[in-house]
Amino acid sequence: MRVPEPPAASIAAAALATAVALAGCATSSIDLAPAAPDRPWQPQTSAAGDIVAAPPRASTQGAHDYTLPASPALASVSAPPALDAAHAYTLPELIDLAESANPLTRIAWNDA
């Protein structure tokens, strides 16, 4: 038994629907990419040095610089806690040291 072929209008409608669906997948993130693959990404930064989500600005430097801008907020990282090698730490003391030294540890411990 022979299967009838679909009409050309159905094929064209399916192709159009596929093209529209794929075009809808494009995002504005493409605007954040550098102008060319051999150009570095130059993010806009706030006064505090944090990267601001915005379109990239044109690079005025002759040489390519593939480094992120300096962030002064990173300079305020506290020093690690001093440990006494002669002291035998208990579990609560170790947990306190870990939570005070690493915010991710504190968050994980609070979520547990």
C-alpha atoms as a PDB file:
ATOM      1  CA  MET A   1       0.000   0.000   0.000  1.00  0.00           C
ATOM      2  CA  ARG A   2       1.367   3.340  -0.977  1.00  0.00           C
ATOM      3  CA  VAL A   3       1.473   6.220   1.544  1.00  0.00           C
ATOM      4  CA  PRO A   4       0.306   9.546   0.079  1.00  0.00           C
ATOM      5  CA  GLU A   5       2.854  12.361   0.054  1.00  0.00           C
ATOM      6  CA  PRO A   6       2.056  15.463   2.131  1.00  0.00           C
ATOM      7  CA  PRO A   7       1.070  18.551   0.154  1.00  0.00           C
ATOM      8  CA  ALA A   8       3.746  21.160  -0.551  1.00  0.00           C
ATOM      9  CA  ALA A   9       1.875  23.726   1.552  1.00  0.00           C
ATOM     10  CA  SER A  10       2.247  21.525   4.660  1.00  0.00           C
ATOM     11  CA  ILE A  11       5.977  21.151   4.079  1.00  0.00           C
ATOM     12  CA  ALA A  12       6.380  24.910   3.588  1.00  0.00           C
ATOM     13  CA  ALA A  13       4.370  25.652   6.746  1.00  0.00           C
ATOM     14  CA  ALA A  14       6.478  23.205   8.762  1.00  0.00           C
ATOM     15  CA  ALA A  15       9.701  24.748   7.424  1.00  0.00           C
ATOM     16  CA  LEU A  16       8.464  28.252   8.267  1.00  0.00           C
ATOM     17  CA  ALA A  17       7.446  27.198  11.787  1.00  0.00           C
ATOM     18  CA  THR A  18      10.863  25.604  12.324  1.00  0.00           C
ATOM     19  CA  ALA A  19      12.656  28.748  11.118  1.00  0.00           C
ATOM     20  CA  VAL A  20      10.571  30.972  13.408  1.00  0.00           C
ATOM     21  CA  ALA A  21      11.177  28.672  16.385  1.00  0.00           C
ATOM     22  CA  LEU A  22      14.930  28.656  15.793  1.00  0.00           C
ATOM     23  CA  ALA A  23      15.033  32.434  15.364  1.00  0.00           C
ATOM     24  CA  GLY A  24      13.282  32.794  18.719  1.00  0.00           C
ATOM     25  CA  CYS A  25      16.134  30.914  20.390  1.00  0.00           C
ATOM     26  CA  ALA A  26      18.604  33.732  19.706  1.00  0.00           C
ATOM     27  CA  THR A  27      19.226  35.892  22.760  1.00  0.00           C
ATOM     28  CA  SER A  28      20.651  39.307  23.424  1.00  0.00           C
ATOM     29  CA  SER A  29      23.761  37.626  24.841  1.00  0.00           C
ATOM     30  CA  ILE A  30      25.258  37.821  21.379  1.00  0.00           C
ATOM     31  CA  ASP A  31      25.569  41.590  21.955  1.00  0.00           C
ATOM     32  CA  LEU A  32      27.936  40.892  24.872  1.00  0.00           C
ATOM     33  CA  ALA A  33      30.418  38.968  22.721  1.00  0.00           C
ATOM     34  CA  PRO A  34      33.539  40.700  21.414  1.00  0.00           C
ATOM     35  CA  ALA A  35      33.407  42.203  17.936  1.00  0.00           C
ATOM     36  CA  ALA A  36      35.770  39.577  16.518  1.00  0.00           C
ATOM     37  CA  PRO A  37      37.164  36.275  17.805  1.00  0.00           C
ATOM     38  CA  ASP A  38      40.674  37.714  18.002  1.00  0.00           C
ATOM     39  CA  ARG A  39      39.569  40.724  20.091  1.00  0.00           C
ATOM     40  CA  PRO A  40      39.436  40.578  23.912  1.00  0.00           C
ATOM     41  CA  TRP A  41      36.175  41.023  25.782  1.00  0.00           C
ATOM     42  CA  GLN A  42      36.185  44.421  27.508  1.00  0.00           C
ATOM     43  CA  PRO A  43      33.489  44.402  30.215  1.00  0.00           C
ATOM     44  CA  GLN A  44      32.076  47.587  31.675  1.00  0.00           C
ATOM     45  CA  THR A  45      32.788  47.937  35.380  1.00  0.00           C
ATOM     46  CA  SER A  46      31.232  49.930  38.190  1.00  0.00           C
ATOM     47  CA  ALA A  47      33.168  52.325  40.426  1.00  0.00           C
ATOM     48  CA  ALA A  48      33.676  49.438  42.867  1.00  0.00           C
ATOM     49  CA  GLY A  49      35.270  47.327  40.139  1.00  0.00           C
ATOM     50  CA  ASP A  50      32.348  44.942  39.679  1.00  0.00           C
ATOM     51  CA  ILE A  51      31.510  43.823  36.152  1.00  0.00           C
ATOM     52  CA  VAL A  52      28.305  45.453  34.879  1.00  0.00           C
ATOM     53  CA  ALA A  53      26.111  43.519  32.447  1.00  0.00           C
ATOM     54  CA  ALA A  54      26.122  45.800  29.413  1.00  0.00           C
ATOM     55  CA  PRO A  55      27.293  45.730  25.810  1.00  0.00           C
ATOM     56  CA  PRO A  56      31.087  45.734  25.467  1.00  0.00           C
ATOM     57  CA  ARG A  57      32.933  48.940  24.801  1.00  0.00           C
ATOM     58  CA  ALA A  58      35.424  49.286  21.995  1.00  0.00           C
ATOM     59  CA  SER A  59      39.007  48.557  22.947  1.00  0.00           C
ATOM     60  CA  THR A  60      41.285  51.562  22.495  1.00  0.00           C
ATOM     61  CA  GLN A  61      44.461  49.651  23.238  1.00  0.00           C
ATOM     62  CA  GLY A  62      46.753  48.600  20.429  1.00  0.00           C
ATOM     63  CA  ALA A  63      47.755  45.383  22.189  1.00  0.00           C
ATOM     64  CA  HIS A  64      45.217  42.736  23.109  1.00  0.00           C
ATOM     65  CA  ASP A  65      44.556  42.443  26.821  1.00  0.00           C
ATOM     66  CA  TYR A  66      42.727  39.308  27.881  1.00  0.00           C
ATOM     67  CA  THR A  67      42.637  40.099  31.604  1.00  0.00           C
ATOM     68  CA  LEU A  68      39.679  41.156  33.724  1.00  0.00           C
ATOM     69  CA  PRO A  69      39.751  44.618  35.275  1.00  0.00           C
ATOM     70  CA  ALA A  70      41.020  44.961  38.832  1.00  0.00           C
ATOM     71  CA  SER A  71      38.393  44.756  41.564  1.00  0.00           C
ATOM     72  CA  PRO A  72      39.224  46.675  44.773  1.00  0.00           C
ATOM     73  CA  ALA A  73      36.628  44.599  46.642  1.00  0.00           C
ATOM     74  CA  LEU A  74      38.942  41.602  46.427  1.00  0.00           C
ATOM     75  CA  ALA A  75      41.561  43.442  48.472  1.00  0.00           C
ATOM     76  CA  SER A  76      39.239  43.402  51.481  1.00  0.00           C
ATOM     77  CA  VAL A  77      39.384  39.623  51.866  1.00  0.00           C
ATOM     78  CA  SER A  78      40.102  38.847  55.491  1.00  0.00           C
ATOM     79  CA  ALA A  79      43.207  36.939  56.504  1.00  0.00           C
ATOM     80  CA  PRO A  80      42.775  33.263  57.384  1.00  0.00           C
ATOM     81  CA  PRO A  81      42.383  32.512  61.079  1.00  0.00           C
ATOM     82  CA  ALA A  82      45.548  31.772  63.014  1.00  0.00           C
ATOM     83  CA  LEU A  83      45.822  28.154  64.053  1.00  0.00           C
ATOM     84  CA  ASP A  84      47.690  26.913  67.100  1.00  0.00           C
ATOM     85  CA  ALA A  85      49.585  23.747  66.213  1.00  0.00           C
ATOM     86  CA  ALA A  86      49.859  22.776  69.885  1.00  0.00           C
ATOM     87  CA  HIS A  87      46.093  22.991  70.475  1.00  0.00           C
ATOM     88  CA  ALA A  88      43.863  19.935  69.902  1.00  0.00           C
ATOM     89  CA  TYR A  89      40.752  21.438  68.310  1.00  0.00           C
ATOM     90  CA  THR A  90      37.320  19.998  69.041  1.00  0.00           C
ATOM     91  CA  LEU A  91      34.752  19.490  66.295  1.00  0.00           C
ATOM     92  CA  PRO A  92      32.735  22.622  67.212  1.00  0.00           C
ATOM     93  CA  GLU A  93      35.947  24.687  67.146  1.00  0.00           C
ATOM     94  CA  LEU A  94      36.865  23.313  63.718  1.00  0.00           C
ATOM     95  CA  ILE A  95      33.368  24.054  62.409  1.00  0.00           C
ATOM     96  CA  ASP A  96      33.602  27.597  63.784  1.00  0.00           C
ATOM     97  CA  LEU A  97      36.988  28.093  62.103  1.00  0.00           C
ATOM     98  CA  ALA A  98      35.691  26.751  58.787  1.00  0.00           C
ATOM     99  CA  GLU A  99      32.556  28.913  58.874  1.00  0.00           C
ATOM    100  CA  SER A 100      34.481  32.059  59.772  1.00  0.00           C
ATOM    101  CA  ALA A 101      37.098  31.494  57.060  1.00  0.00           C
ATOM    102  CA  ASN A 102      34.840  30.483  54.169  1.00  0.00           C
ATOM    103  CA  PRO A 103      31.353  31.912  53.476  1.00  0.00           C
ATOM    104  CA  LEU A 104      30.478  28.911  51.283  1.00  0.00           C
ATOM    105  CA  THR A 105      31.154  26.579  54.212  1.00  0.00           C
ATOM    106  CA  ARG A 106      28.878  28.691  56.409  1.00  0.00           C
ATOM    107  CA  ILE A 107      26.100  28.601  53.801  1.00  0.00           C
ATOM    108  CA  ALA A 108      26.466  24.837  53.286  1.00  0.00           C
ATOM    109  CA  TRP A 109      26.455  24.199  57.025  1.00  0.00           C
ATOM    110  CA  ASN A 110      23.335  26.345  57.510  1.00  0.00           C
ATOM    111  CA  ASP A 111      21.560  24.604  54.627  1.00  0.00           C
ATOM    112  CA  ALA A 112      22.351  21.122  55.978  1.00  0.00           C
END
